Amino acid sequence: MKKLNGVKICYVLSALLVVGFIINTIIDYARYNSTLNSAPFYLQIIVNAICFIAPAIIVFVVGFIIKKKSKTG
């Protein structure tokens, strides 16, 4: 039963990271000014994806593996 709680924590954390990505991208878009920034906006989206989406995928996969192992074991 404790492993299932860990799975839920992993899924919730993954969802929170995705929501954080969306919120952070919206905030960056509101602050972005093309005349002041030399980098295009899509680079900020890529950085946000590396910081939020990549860990979200890792945590989701860990939760999936824990869930799969708890069913077989």
C-alpha atoms as a PDB file:
ATOM      1  CA  MET A   1       0.000   0.000   0.000  1.00  0.00           C
ATOM      2  CA  LYS A   2       2.868   2.378   0.708  1.00  0.00           C
ATOM      3  CA  LYS A   3       4.187   1.912  -2.813  1.00  0.00           C
ATOM      4  CA  LEU A   4       0.873   3.053  -4.259  1.00  0.00           C
ATOM      5  CA  ASN A   5       1.121   6.247  -2.214  1.00  0.00           C
ATOM      6  CA  GLY A   6       4.543   6.782  -3.764  1.00  0.00           C
ATOM      7  CA  VAL A   7       3.006   6.312  -7.190  1.00  0.00           C
ATOM      8  CA  LYS A   8       0.374   8.940  -6.429  1.00  0.00           C
ATOM      9  CA  ILE A   9       3.064  11.323  -5.205  1.00  0.00           C
ATOM     10  CA  CYS A  10       5.036  10.788  -8.408  1.00  0.00           C
ATOM     11  CA  TYR A  11       1.988  11.432 -10.599  1.00  0.00           C
ATOM     12  CA  VAL A  12       0.979  14.556  -8.651  1.00  0.00           C
ATOM     13  CA  LEU A  13       4.530  15.891  -8.744  1.00  0.00           C
ATOM     14  CA  SER A  14       4.679  15.266 -12.476  1.00  0.00           C
ATOM     15  CA  ALA A  15       1.392  17.116 -12.999  1.00  0.00           C
ATOM     16  CA  LEU A  16       2.603  20.032 -10.847  1.00  0.00           C
ATOM     17  CA  LEU A  17       5.763  20.296 -12.933  1.00  0.00           C
ATOM     18  CA  VAL A  18       3.710  20.464 -16.130  1.00  0.00           C
ATOM     19  CA  VAL A  19       1.484  23.158 -14.622  1.00  0.00           C
ATOM     20  CA  GLY A  20       4.615  25.017 -13.510  1.00  0.00           C
ATOM     21  CA  PHE A  21       5.922  24.856 -17.069  1.00  0.00           C
ATOM     22  CA  ILE A  22       2.725  26.362 -18.430  1.00  0.00           C
ATOM     23  CA  ILE A  23       2.613  29.134 -15.818  1.00  0.00           C
ATOM     24  CA  ASN A  24       6.300  29.965 -16.191  1.00  0.00           C
ATOM     25  CA  THR A  25       6.007  30.093 -19.982  1.00  0.00           C
ATOM     26  CA  ILE A  26       3.019  32.452 -19.754  1.00  0.00           C
ATOM     27  CA  ILE A  27       4.919  34.712 -17.358  1.00  0.00           C
ATOM     28  CA  ASP A  28       7.967  34.696 -19.633  1.00  0.00           C
ATOM     29  CA  TYR A  29       5.767  35.578 -22.610  1.00  0.00           C
ATOM     30  CA  ALA A  30       4.254  38.511 -20.735  1.00  0.00           C
ATOM     31  CA  ARG A  31       7.727  39.803 -19.843  1.00  0.00           C
ATOM     32  CA  TYR A  32       9.289  39.127 -23.255  1.00  0.00           C
ATOM     33  CA  ASN A  33      10.181  42.118 -25.376  1.00  0.00           C
ATOM     34  CA  SER A  34      11.692  41.351 -28.761  1.00  0.00           C
ATOM     35  CA  THR A  35      13.507  44.679 -28.966  1.00  0.00           C
ATOM     36  CA  LEU A  36      15.324  44.101 -25.662  1.00  0.00           C
ATOM     37  CA  ASN A  37      16.089  40.382 -25.974  1.00  0.00           C
ATOM     38  CA  SER A  38      18.516  39.094 -28.532  1.00  0.00           C
ATOM     39  CA  ALA A  39      17.340  35.492 -28.111  1.00  0.00           C
ATOM     40  CA  PRO A  40      14.100  34.380 -29.720  1.00  0.00           C
ATOM     41  CA  PHE A  41      11.233  33.426 -27.423  1.00  0.00           C
ATOM     42  CA  TYR A  42      11.285  29.773 -28.411  1.00  0.00           C
ATOM     43  CA  LEU A  43      14.647  29.434 -26.647  1.00  0.00           C
ATOM     44  CA  GLN A  44      12.963  30.412 -23.384  1.00  0.00           C
ATOM     45  CA  ILE A  45      10.351  27.734 -24.060  1.00  0.00           C
ATOM     46  CA  ILE A  46      13.134  25.177 -24.608  1.00  0.00           C
ATOM     47  CA  VAL A  47      14.820  26.181 -21.343  1.00  0.00           C
ATOM     48  CA  ASN A  48      11.502  25.905 -19.511  1.00  0.00           C
ATOM     49  CA  ALA A  49      10.963  22.474 -21.050  1.00  0.00           C
ATOM     50  CA  ILE A  50      14.374  21.323 -19.863  1.00  0.00           C
ATOM     51  CA  CYS A  51      13.705  22.650 -16.356  1.00  0.00           C
ATOM     52  CA  PHE A  52      10.112  21.425 -16.009  1.00  0.00           C
ATOM     53  CA  ILE A  53       9.053  18.867 -18.623  1.00  0.00           C
ATOM     54  CA  ALA A  54      12.166  16.670 -18.517  1.00  0.00           C
ATOM     55  CA  PRO A  55      11.921  16.141 -14.727  1.00  0.00           C
ATOM     56  CA  ALA A  56       8.155  15.631 -15.067  1.00  0.00           C
ATOM     57  CA  ILE A  57       8.741  12.822 -17.552  1.00  0.00           C
ATOM     58  CA  ILE A  58      11.391  11.247 -15.318  1.00  0.00           C
ATOM     59  CA  VAL A  59       9.136  11.358 -12.240  1.00  0.00           C
ATOM     60  CA  PHE A  60       6.205   9.974 -14.240  1.00  0.00           C
ATOM     61  CA  VAL A  61       8.310   7.063 -15.514  1.00  0.00           C
ATOM     62  CA  VAL A  62       9.549   6.344 -11.977  1.00  0.00           C
ATOM     63  CA  GLY A  63       5.962   6.250 -10.753  1.00  0.00           C
ATOM     64  CA  PHE A  64       4.984   3.965 -13.615  1.00  0.00           C
ATOM     65  CA  ILE A  65       7.854   1.592 -12.835  1.00  0.00           C
ATOM     66  CA  ILE A  66       6.965   1.526  -9.131  1.00  0.00           C
ATOM     67  CA  LYS A  67       3.341   0.780 -10.006  1.00  0.00           C
ATOM     68  CA  LYS A  68       4.318  -1.991 -12.417  1.00  0.00           C
ATOM     69  CA  LYS A  69       6.700  -3.594  -9.918  1.00  0.00           C
ATOM     70  CA  SER A  70       4.133  -3.479  -7.111  1.00  0.00           C
ATOM     71  CA  LYS A  71       1.602  -5.346  -9.280  1.00  0.00           C
ATOM     72  CA  THR A  72       4.054  -8.106 -10.228  1.00  0.00           C
ATOM     73  CA  GLY A  73       5.613  -8.461  -6.789  1.00  0.00           C
END
